[in-house]
Amino acid sequence: MVDSQSLPLVSVVMATYNGVAYLPKQIDSILSQTYSPIELVVTDDCSTDGTWELLVQYAAQDARVRVFRNPENLGYVRNFEKAMLLAQGEWIAPSDQDDIWLPHKLAVLQANIGKDTILYANSQLINDQDKPTGQYLSDVKKLTTYNNCLNYTIGNSAPGHGMLFPASLVKDCVPFPVVIPHDYWLGFVACFRSQVRYWPEVLVLYRQHNQNVFGASKVASADGTLPQRRKKSAAAERAAAQARIQLLYEKCPADLVEEK
């Protein structure tokens, strides 16, 4: 048996906004992880539904929980960026506010990441009553191993809720562009170092409900809310896509000649 005192600290980072309905189950699943030591860093983006008050209660009861309230709304991506920058651990594991982690999630990822920059796991989809939908994330998303940033950009993603990566990766990623999901950006930049490896074992119960947006990161709007997707004009869609492509191109290192 490995002595937990010899293992590195893993920082679980969570960005919350009006998530009180499902938050207790997610936090409890994190604090019940078999892996130790961990800390839970939560940045709240001006919630109005009791989320902040619940976070304060958890922090008062468990020294592993550190909570921060934004003075103004940062939006989803910048809120996650703040949480990652506040992390004190050697490793970081992002968390959504409404999922449930299996007890051995962090133990499995930390034991198997090796020299990979990111290791990410599969998930089972559940509904708002915690019932399995009969699908896995791998049924509806292309989950695989990536070692090339160009291949990663073409219809691929590594969902953040299943990730573990070294804290040093965050320094390579800041500032996070708000027009690109934080986990997509993490995966893209990680490919500059080494591979982003897929672990097919289910380690997360990934919740789908009418107040989130399905996808690798349940992307919120700029004001931090989780609305239905707004329809854009074709011209606006093209302009947004071109802006994202330009950001990816500019981030790609010059020495990656073929990819660039």
C-alpha atoms as a PDB file:
ATOM      1  CA  MET A   1       0.000   0.000   0.000  1.00  0.00           C
ATOM      2  CA  VAL A   2       1.333   3.426  -0.991  1.00  0.00           C
ATOM      3  CA  ASP A   3       1.767   5.929   1.826  1.00  0.00           C
ATOM      4  CA  SER A   4      -0.498   8.887   0.984  1.00  0.00           C
ATOM      5  CA  GLN A   5       2.050  11.245   2.517  1.00  0.00           C
ATOM      6  CA  SER A   6       4.454  10.350  -0.291  1.00  0.00           C
ATOM      7  CA  LEU A   7       1.957  11.156  -3.045  1.00  0.00           C
ATOM      8  CA  PRO A   8       1.695  14.583  -4.706  1.00  0.00           C
ATOM      9  CA  LEU A   9      -1.161  16.965  -3.933  1.00  0.00           C
ATOM     10  CA  VAL A  10      -3.940  16.930  -6.527  1.00  0.00           C
ATOM     11  CA  SER A  11      -5.971  20.128  -6.837  1.00  0.00           C
ATOM     12  CA  VAL A  12      -9.544  19.603  -7.948  1.00  0.00           C
ATOM     13  CA  VAL A  13     -10.721  22.882  -9.469  1.00  0.00           C
ATOM     14  CA  MET A  14     -14.357  23.826  -9.925  1.00  0.00           C
ATOM     15  CA  ALA A  15     -16.014  26.929 -11.370  1.00  0.00           C
ATOM     16  CA  THR A  16     -19.536  27.381 -10.020  1.00  0.00           C
ATOM     17  CA  TYR A  17     -22.527  29.440 -11.071  1.00  0.00           C
ATOM     18  CA  ASN A  18     -26.028  28.834  -9.695  1.00  0.00           C
ATOM     19  CA  GLY A  19     -25.339  25.131  -9.247  1.00  0.00           C
ATOM     20  CA  VAL A  20     -26.843  24.451  -5.829  1.00  0.00           C
ATOM     21  CA  ALA A  21     -29.226  21.753  -7.100  1.00  0.00           C
ATOM     22  CA  TYR A  22     -26.525  19.193  -7.901  1.00  0.00           C
ATOM     23  CA  LEU A  23     -23.488  20.624  -6.134  1.00  0.00           C
ATOM     24  CA  PRO A  24     -23.626  18.614  -2.856  1.00  0.00           C
ATOM     25  CA  LYS A  25     -23.400  15.251  -4.627  1.00  0.00           C
ATOM     26  CA  GLN A  26     -20.451  16.390  -6.706  1.00  0.00           C
ATOM     27  CA  ILE A  27     -18.541  17.873  -3.770  1.00  0.00           C
ATOM     28  CA  ASP A  28     -19.228  14.806  -1.626  1.00  0.00           C
ATOM     29  CA  SER A  29     -17.927  12.544  -4.388  1.00  0.00           C
ATOM     30  CA  ILE A  30     -14.724  14.608  -4.608  1.00  0.00           C
ATOM     31  CA  LEU A  31     -14.106  14.664  -0.865  1.00  0.00           C
ATOM     32  CA  SER A  32     -14.693  10.886  -0.756  1.00  0.00           C
ATOM     33  CA  GLN A  33     -11.952  10.077  -3.266  1.00  0.00           C
ATOM     34  CA  THR A  34      -9.700   7.189  -2.302  1.00  0.00           C
ATOM     35  CA  TYR A  35      -6.697   9.242  -3.414  1.00  0.00           C
ATOM     36  CA  SER A  36      -5.006  11.513  -0.893  1.00  0.00           C
ATOM     37  CA  PRO A  37      -3.843  14.263  -0.570  1.00  0.00           C
ATOM     38  CA  ILE A  38      -6.306  16.485  -2.414  1.00  0.00           C
ATOM     39  CA  GLU A  39      -7.625  20.018  -2.196  1.00  0.00           C
ATOM     40  CA  LEU A  40     -10.837  21.365  -3.712  1.00  0.00           C
ATOM     41  CA  VAL A  41     -10.557  24.899  -5.096  1.00  0.00           C
ATOM     42  CA  VAL A  42     -13.881  26.505  -6.017  1.00  0.00           C
ATOM     43  CA  THR A  43     -14.383  29.909  -7.616  1.00  0.00           C
ATOM     44  CA  ASP A  44     -17.984  31.108  -7.588  1.00  0.00           C
ATOM     45  CA  ASP A  45     -19.126  33.501 -10.294  1.00  0.00           C
ATOM     46  CA  CYS A  46     -21.686  35.611  -8.394  1.00  0.00           C
ATOM     47  CA  SER A  47     -24.273  32.880  -7.835  1.00  0.00           C
ATOM     48  CA  THR A  48     -27.688  33.952  -6.546  1.00  0.00           C
ATOM     49  CA  ASP A  49     -29.264  30.570  -5.717  1.00  0.00           C
ATOM     50  CA  GLY A  50     -27.478  29.647  -2.487  1.00  0.00           C
ATOM     51  CA  THR A  51     -24.424  28.125  -4.153  1.00  0.00           C
ATOM     52  CA  TRP A  52     -22.014  30.463  -2.369  1.00  0.00           C
ATOM     53  CA  GLU A  53     -23.570  29.870   1.043  1.00  0.00           C
ATOM     54  CA  LEU A  54     -23.308  26.102   0.488  1.00  0.00           C
ATOM     55  CA  LEU A  55     -19.644  26.424  -0.482  1.00  0.00           C
ATOM     56  CA  VAL A  56     -18.901  28.404   2.673  1.00  0.00           C
ATOM     57  CA  GLN A  57     -20.456  25.609   4.746  1.00  0.00           C
ATOM     58  CA  TYR A  58     -18.267  22.986   3.097  1.00  0.00           C
ATOM     59  CA  ALA A  59     -15.138  25.105   3.590  1.00  0.00           C
ATOM     60  CA  ALA A  60     -15.959  25.530   7.286  1.00  0.00           C
ATOM     61  CA  GLN A  61     -16.331  21.769   7.728  1.00  0.00           C
ATOM     62  CA  ASP A  62     -13.344  20.528   5.702  1.00  0.00           C
ATOM     63  CA  ALA A  63      -9.931  22.205   5.537  1.00  0.00           C
ATOM     64  CA  ARG A  64      -9.331  20.679   2.107  1.00  0.00           C
ATOM     65  CA  VAL A  65     -11.969  22.990   0.614  1.00  0.00           C
ATOM     66  CA  ARG A  66     -10.917  26.508  -0.437  1.00  0.00           C
ATOM     67  CA  VAL A  67     -13.624  28.791  -1.824  1.00  0.00           C
ATOM     68  CA  PHE A  68     -13.422  32.158  -3.563  1.00  0.00           C
ATOM     69  CA  ARG A  69     -16.215  34.494  -4.666  1.00  0.00           C
ATOM     70  CA  ASN A  70     -15.689  36.739  -7.669  1.00  0.00           C
ATOM     71  CA  PRO A  71     -16.542  40.416  -7.048  1.00  0.00           C
ATOM     72  CA  GLU A  72     -17.961  40.552 -10.559  1.00  0.00           C
ATOM     73  CA  ASN A  73     -19.065  37.992 -13.103  1.00  0.00           C
ATOM     74  CA  LEU A  74     -16.105  36.606 -15.050  1.00  0.00           C
ATOM     75  CA  GLY A  75     -17.905  34.141 -17.296  1.00  0.00           C
ATOM     76  CA  TYR A  76     -17.253  30.423 -17.572  1.00  0.00           C
ATOM     77  CA  VAL A  77     -13.777  30.339 -19.119  1.00  0.00           C
ATOM     78  CA  ARG A  78     -12.211  33.105 -17.042  1.00  0.00           C
ATOM     79  CA  ASN A  79     -13.743  31.658 -13.888  1.00  0.00           C
ATOM     80  CA  PHE A  80     -12.103  28.294 -14.575  1.00  0.00           C
ATOM     81  CA  GLU A  81      -8.829  30.023 -15.379  1.00  0.00           C
ATOM     82  CA  LYS A  82      -8.938  31.764 -12.000  1.00  0.00           C
ATOM     83  CA  ALA A  83      -9.586  28.477 -10.190  1.00  0.00           C
ATOM     84  CA  MET A  84      -6.646  26.804 -11.911  1.00  0.00           C
ATOM     85  CA  LEU A  85      -4.319  29.681 -11.054  1.00  0.00           C
ATOM     86  CA  LEU A  86      -5.335  29.395  -7.383  1.00  0.00           C
ATOM     87  CA  ALA A  87      -4.510  25.682  -7.264  1.00  0.00           C
ATOM     88  CA  GLN A  88      -1.601  24.691  -5.031  1.00  0.00           C
ATOM     89  CA  GLY A  89      -1.186  21.088  -6.140  1.00  0.00           C
ATOM     90  CA  GLU A  90       1.337  19.463  -8.435  1.00  0.00           C
ATOM     91  CA  TRP A  91      -1.554  18.022 -10.431  1.00  0.00           C
ATOM     92  CA  ILE A  92      -4.898  19.533 -11.451  1.00  0.00           C
ATOM     93  CA  ALA A  93      -8.221  17.816 -12.122  1.00  0.00           C
ATOM     94  CA  PRO A  94     -11.041  20.074 -13.408  1.00  0.00           C
ATOM     95  CA  SER A  95     -14.555  19.371 -12.184  1.00  0.00           C
ATOM     96  CA  ASP A  96     -17.993  20.369 -13.396  1.00  0.00           C
ATOM     97  CA  GLN A  97     -20.464  21.447 -10.718  1.00  0.00           C
ATOM     98  CA  ASP A  98     -23.161  18.890 -11.475  1.00  0.00           C
ATOM     99  CA  ASP A  99     -21.487  15.517 -12.082  1.00  0.00           C
ATOM    100  CA  ILE A 100     -20.578  12.661  -9.731  1.00  0.00           C
ATOM    101  CA  TRP A 101     -17.080  11.204  -9.575  1.00  0.00           C
ATOM    102  CA  LEU A 102     -16.498   7.528  -8.907  1.00  0.00           C
ATOM    103  CA  PRO A 103     -14.445   7.070  -5.712  1.00  0.00           C
ATOM    104  CA  HIS A 104     -11.287   5.832  -7.437  1.00  0.00           C
ATOM    105  CA  LYS A 105     -11.186   8.427 -10.233  1.00  0.00           C
ATOM    106  CA  LEU A 106      -8.165  10.408  -9.044  1.00  0.00           C
ATOM    107  CA  ALA A 107      -6.304   7.313  -7.868  1.00  0.00           C
ATOM    108  CA  VAL A 108      -6.591   5.683 -11.293  1.00  0.00           C
ATOM    109  CA  LEU A 109      -5.586   8.773 -13.256  1.00  0.00           C
ATOM    110  CA  GLN A 110      -2.676   9.715 -11.011  1.00  0.00           C
ATOM    111  CA  ALA A 111      -1.297   6.170 -11.020  1.00  0.00           C
ATOM    112  CA  ASN A 112      -1.412   5.914 -14.802  1.00  0.00           C
ATOM    113  CA  ILE A 113      -0.614   9.339 -16.249  1.00  0.00           C
ATOM    114  CA  GLY A 114       3.112   8.651 -16.482  1.00  0.00           C
ATOM    115  CA  LYS A 115       4.838  11.090 -18.839  1.00  0.00           C
ATOM    116  CA  ASP A 116       1.674  12.077 -20.696  1.00  0.00           C
ATOM    117  CA  THR A 117       0.616  15.708 -20.435  1.00  0.00           C
ATOM    118  CA  ILE A 118      -3.068  14.880 -20.023  1.00  0.00           C
ATOM    119  CA  LEU A 119      -4.800  11.644 -19.134  1.00  0.00           C
ATOM    120  CA  TYR A 120      -8.590  11.713 -19.454  1.00  0.00           C
ATOM    121  CA  ALA A 121     -11.240   9.114 -18.750  1.00  0.00           C
ATOM    122  CA  ASN A 122     -14.549   8.019 -20.198  1.00  0.00           C
ATOM    123  CA  SER A 123     -17.875   8.923 -18.558  1.00  0.00           C
ATOM    124  CA  GLN A 124     -21.326   7.443 -18.170  1.00  0.00           C
ATOM    125  CA  LEU A 125     -24.197   9.800 -18.971  1.00  0.00           C
ATOM    126  CA  ILE A 126     -26.844  10.267 -16.273  1.00  0.00           C
ATOM    127  CA  ASN A 127     -30.024  12.345 -16.086  1.00  0.00           C
ATOM    128  CA  ASP A 128     -31.196  14.828 -13.469  1.00  0.00           C
ATOM    129  CA  GLN A 129     -32.325  11.937 -11.240  1.00  0.00           C
ATOM    130  CA  ASP A 130     -28.870  10.270 -11.264  1.00  0.00           C
ATOM    131  CA  LYS A 131     -30.189   7.527 -13.559  1.00  0.00           C
ATOM    132  CA  PRO A 132     -27.979   6.237 -16.401  1.00  0.00           C
ATOM    133  CA  THR A 133     -29.221   7.240 -19.842  1.00  0.00           C
ATOM    134  CA  GLY A 134     -27.801   4.093 -21.413  1.00  0.00           C
ATOM    135  CA  GLN A 135     -24.999   5.957 -23.152  1.00  0.00           C
ATOM    136  CA  TYR A 136     -21.354   6.623 -22.495  1.00  0.00           C
ATOM    137  CA  LEU A 137     -19.579   9.781 -23.556  1.00  0.00           C
ATOM    138  CA  SER A 138     -17.543   7.628 -25.947  1.00  0.00           C
ATOM    139  CA  ASP A 139     -20.808   6.772 -27.740  1.00  0.00           C
ATOM    140  CA  VAL A 140     -21.431  10.388 -28.721  1.00  0.00           C
ATOM    141  CA  LYS A 141     -17.955  11.951 -28.761  1.00  0.00           C
ATOM    142  CA  LYS A 142     -14.737  10.937 -30.466  1.00  0.00           C
ATOM    143  CA  LEU A 143     -12.539  10.032 -27.508  1.00  0.00           C
ATOM    144  CA  THR A 144      -9.053   8.895 -28.434  1.00  0.00           C
ATOM    145  CA  THR A 145      -5.358   9.594 -27.852  1.00  0.00           C
ATOM    146  CA  TYR A 146      -3.826  12.649 -29.514  1.00  0.00           C
ATOM    147  CA  ASN A 147      -0.153  13.441 -30.034  1.00  0.00           C
ATOM    148  CA  ASN A 148      -0.537  16.092 -32.704  1.00  0.00           C
ATOM    149  CA  CYS A 149      -2.181  19.481 -32.181  1.00  0.00           C
ATOM    150  CA  LEU A 150      -3.398  19.600 -35.781  1.00  0.00           C
ATOM    151  CA  ASN A 151      -5.218  16.277 -35.478  1.00  0.00           C
ATOM    152  CA  TYR A 152      -6.660  17.440 -32.163  1.00  0.00           C
ATOM    153  CA  THR A 153      -8.296  20.487 -33.748  1.00  0.00           C
ATOM    154  CA  ILE A 154     -10.249  18.535 -36.357  1.00  0.00           C
ATOM    155  CA  GLY A 155     -13.511  17.586 -34.691  1.00  0.00           C
ATOM    156  CA  ASN A 156     -11.904  16.233 -31.553  1.00  0.00           C
ATOM    157  CA  SER A 157     -11.914  17.026 -27.869  1.00  0.00           C
ATOM    158  CA  ALA A 158     -10.801  15.764 -24.484  1.00  0.00           C
ATOM    159  CA  PRO A 159     -13.519  16.627 -21.931  1.00  0.00           C
ATOM    160  CA  GLY A 160     -12.203  18.533 -18.942  1.00  0.00           C
ATOM    161  CA  HIS A 161     -14.298  16.721 -16.346  1.00  0.00           C
ATOM    162  CA  GLY A 162     -12.299  13.558 -17.038  1.00  0.00           C
ATOM    163  CA  MET A 163      -8.822  15.134 -17.086  1.00  0.00           C
ATOM    164  CA  LEU A 164      -5.722  15.056 -14.932  1.00  0.00           C
ATOM    165  CA  PHE A 165      -2.679  17.144 -15.898  1.00  0.00           C
ATOM    166  CA  PRO A 166       0.395  18.787 -14.335  1.00  0.00           C
ATOM    167  CA  ALA A 167      -0.193  22.241 -12.883  1.00  0.00           C
ATOM    168  CA  SER A 168       2.652  23.559 -15.031  1.00  0.00           C
ATOM    169  CA  LEU A 169       0.412  23.161 -18.099  1.00  0.00           C
ATOM    170  CA  VAL A 170      -1.741  26.062 -16.902  1.00  0.00           C
ATOM    171  CA  LYS A 171       1.205  28.448 -17.234  1.00  0.00           C
ATOM    172  CA  ASP A 172       1.520  27.435 -20.884  1.00  0.00           C
ATOM    173  CA  CYS A 173      -2.186  28.112 -21.460  1.00  0.00           C
ATOM    174  CA  VAL A 174      -2.775  31.522 -19.894  1.00  0.00           C
ATOM    175  CA  PRO A 175      -4.461  33.683 -20.872  1.00  0.00           C
ATOM    176  CA  PHE A 176      -7.312  31.360 -21.818  1.00  0.00           C
ATOM    177  CA  PRO A 177      -9.232  32.808 -24.802  1.00  0.00           C
ATOM    178  CA  VAL A 178     -12.878  33.240 -23.834  1.00  0.00           C
ATOM    179  CA  VAL A 179     -14.101  32.152 -27.284  1.00  0.00           C
ATOM    180  CA  ILE A 180     -12.610  28.664 -26.873  1.00  0.00           C
ATOM    181  CA  PRO A 181     -13.727  26.179 -24.173  1.00  0.00           C
ATOM    182  CA  HIS A 182     -11.093  25.883 -21.462  1.00  0.00           C
ATOM    183  CA  ASP A 183     -10.705  22.120 -21.816  1.00  0.00           C
ATOM    184  CA  TYR A 184     -10.330  22.307 -25.591  1.00  0.00           C
ATOM    185  CA  TRP A 185      -7.573  24.901 -25.134  1.00  0.00           C
ATOM    186  CA  LEU A 186      -5.859  22.751 -22.498  1.00  0.00           C
ATOM    187  CA  GLY A 187      -5.852  19.748 -24.817  1.00  0.00           C
ATOM    188  CA  PHE A 188      -4.576  21.753 -27.775  1.00  0.00           C
ATOM    189  CA  VAL A 189      -1.672  23.256 -25.833  1.00  0.00           C
ATOM    190  CA  ALA A 190      -0.887  19.933 -24.151  1.00  0.00           C
ATOM    191  CA  CYS A 191      -0.150  18.413 -27.562  1.00  0.00           C
ATOM    192  CA  PHE A 192       2.870  20.728 -27.829  1.00  0.00           C
ATOM    193  CA  ARG A 193       4.476  18.806 -24.941  1.00  0.00           C
ATOM    194  CA  SER A 194       3.477  15.184 -25.400  1.00  0.00           C
ATOM    195  CA  GLN A 195       0.336  13.199 -25.962  1.00  0.00           C
ATOM    196  CA  VAL A 196      -3.165  13.616 -24.589  1.00  0.00           C
ATOM    197  CA  ARG A 197      -4.054  10.034 -23.687  1.00  0.00           C
ATOM    198  CA  TYR A 198      -7.511   8.510 -23.460  1.00  0.00           C
ATOM    199  CA  TRP A 199      -8.329   6.119 -20.603  1.00  0.00           C
ATOM    200  CA  PRO A 200     -11.468   4.140 -21.596  1.00  0.00           C
ATOM    201  CA  GLU A 201     -12.529   3.261 -18.055  1.00  0.00           C
ATOM    202  CA  VAL A 202     -15.632   5.106 -16.823  1.00  0.00           C
ATOM    203  CA  LEU A 203     -14.616   7.320 -13.895  1.00  0.00           C
ATOM    204  CA  VAL A 204     -17.308  10.033 -14.000  1.00  0.00           C
ATOM    205  CA  LEU A 205     -21.104  10.076 -14.012  1.00  0.00           C
ATOM    206  CA  TYR A 206     -21.647  12.937 -16.454  1.00  0.00           C
ATOM    207  CA  ARG A 207     -24.943  14.685 -15.891  1.00  0.00           C
ATOM    208  CA  GLN A 208     -27.212  15.892 -18.683  1.00  0.00           C
ATOM    209  CA  HIS A 209     -30.145  18.119 -17.788  1.00  0.00           C
ATOM    210  CA  ASN A 210     -32.108  21.007 -19.230  1.00  0.00           C
ATOM    211  CA  GLN A 211     -29.901  23.675 -17.701  1.00  0.00           C
ATOM    212  CA  ASN A 212     -26.598  22.582 -19.159  1.00  0.00           C
ATOM    213  CA  VAL A 213     -25.257  22.530 -22.667  1.00  0.00           C
ATOM    214  CA  PHE A 214     -24.156  19.121 -23.870  1.00  0.00           C
ATOM    215  CA  GLY A 215     -20.526  18.876 -24.756  1.00  0.00           C
ATOM    216  CA  ALA A 216     -17.032  18.488 -23.444  1.00  0.00           C
ATOM    217  CA  SER A 217     -17.317  21.516 -21.210  1.00  0.00           C
ATOM    218  CA  LYS A 218     -20.989  22.534 -20.917  1.00  0.00           C
ATOM    219  CA  VAL A 219     -19.994  25.957 -22.184  1.00  0.00           C
ATOM    220  CA  ALA A 220     -21.719  28.950 -20.632  1.00  0.00           C
ATOM    221  CA  SER A 221     -22.391  32.340 -22.117  1.00  0.00           C
ATOM    222  CA  ALA A 222     -20.183  35.315 -21.369  1.00  0.00           C
ATOM    223  CA  ASP A 223     -22.267  36.304 -18.341  1.00  0.00           C
ATOM    224  CA  GLY A 224     -21.777  32.890 -16.731  1.00  0.00           C
ATOM    225  CA  THR A 225     -25.262  31.511 -17.361  1.00  0.00           C
ATOM    226  CA  LEU A 226     -26.067  28.250 -19.116  1.00  0.00           C
ATOM    227  CA  PRO A 227     -28.703  29.138 -21.708  1.00  0.00           C
ATOM    228  CA  GLN A 228     -29.853  27.235 -24.741  1.00  0.00           C
ATOM    229  CA  ARG A 229     -27.573  27.849 -27.686  1.00  0.00           C
ATOM    230  CA  ARG A 230     -28.397  31.088 -29.444  1.00  0.00           C
ATOM    231  CA  LYS A 231     -28.699  30.925 -33.203  1.00  0.00           C
ATOM    232  CA  LYS A 232     -26.156  33.033 -35.047  1.00  0.00           C
ATOM    233  CA  SER A 233     -26.178  34.249 -38.600  1.00  0.00           C
ATOM    234  CA  ALA A 234     -23.979  32.397 -41.061  1.00  0.00           C
ATOM    235  CA  ALA A 235     -21.688  35.407 -41.243  1.00  0.00           C
ATOM    236  CA  ALA A 236     -21.351  35.563 -37.465  1.00  0.00           C
ATOM    237  CA  GLU A 237     -20.605  31.837 -37.310  1.00  0.00           C
ATOM    238  CA  ARG A 238     -17.896  32.199 -39.949  1.00  0.00           C
ATOM    239  CA  ALA A 239     -16.353  35.170 -38.178  1.00  0.00           C
ATOM    240  CA  ALA A 240     -16.309  33.334 -34.845  1.00  0.00           C
ATOM    241  CA  ALA A 241     -14.761  30.252 -36.434  1.00  0.00           C
ATOM    242  CA  GLN A 242     -12.086  32.349 -38.134  1.00  0.00           C
ATOM    243  CA  ALA A 243     -11.273  34.049 -34.828  1.00  0.00           C
ATOM    244  CA  ARG A 244     -10.852  30.679 -33.116  1.00  0.00           C
ATOM    245  CA  ILE A 245      -8.652  29.365 -35.928  1.00  0.00           C
ATOM    246  CA  GLN A 246      -6.476  32.464 -35.739  1.00  0.00           C
ATOM    247  CA  LEU A 247      -6.012  32.005 -31.987  1.00  0.00           C
ATOM    248  CA  LEU A 248      -5.016  28.371 -32.465  1.00  0.00           C
ATOM    249  CA  TYR A 249      -2.590  29.307 -35.250  1.00  0.00           C
ATOM    250  CA  GLU A 250      -0.953  32.035 -33.197  1.00  0.00           C
ATOM    251  CA  LYS A 251      -0.574  29.717 -30.191  1.00  0.00           C
ATOM    252  CA  CYS A 252       1.047  26.922 -32.185  1.00  0.00           C
ATOM    253  CA  PRO A 253       4.856  27.071 -31.726  1.00  0.00           C
ATOM    254  CA  ALA A 254       6.901  28.101 -34.747  1.00  0.00           C
ATOM    255  CA  ASP A 255       9.034  24.963 -34.541  1.00  0.00           C
ATOM    256  CA  LEU A 256       5.981  22.788 -35.255  1.00  0.00           C
ATOM    257  CA  VAL A 257       6.342  23.602 -38.935  1.00  0.00           C
ATOM    258  CA  GLU A 258       4.113  20.866 -40.340  1.00  0.00           C
ATOM    259  CA  GLU A 259       1.262  21.527 -37.908  1.00  0.00           C
ATOM    260  CA  LYS A 260       1.421  25.290 -38.349  1.00  0.00           C
END
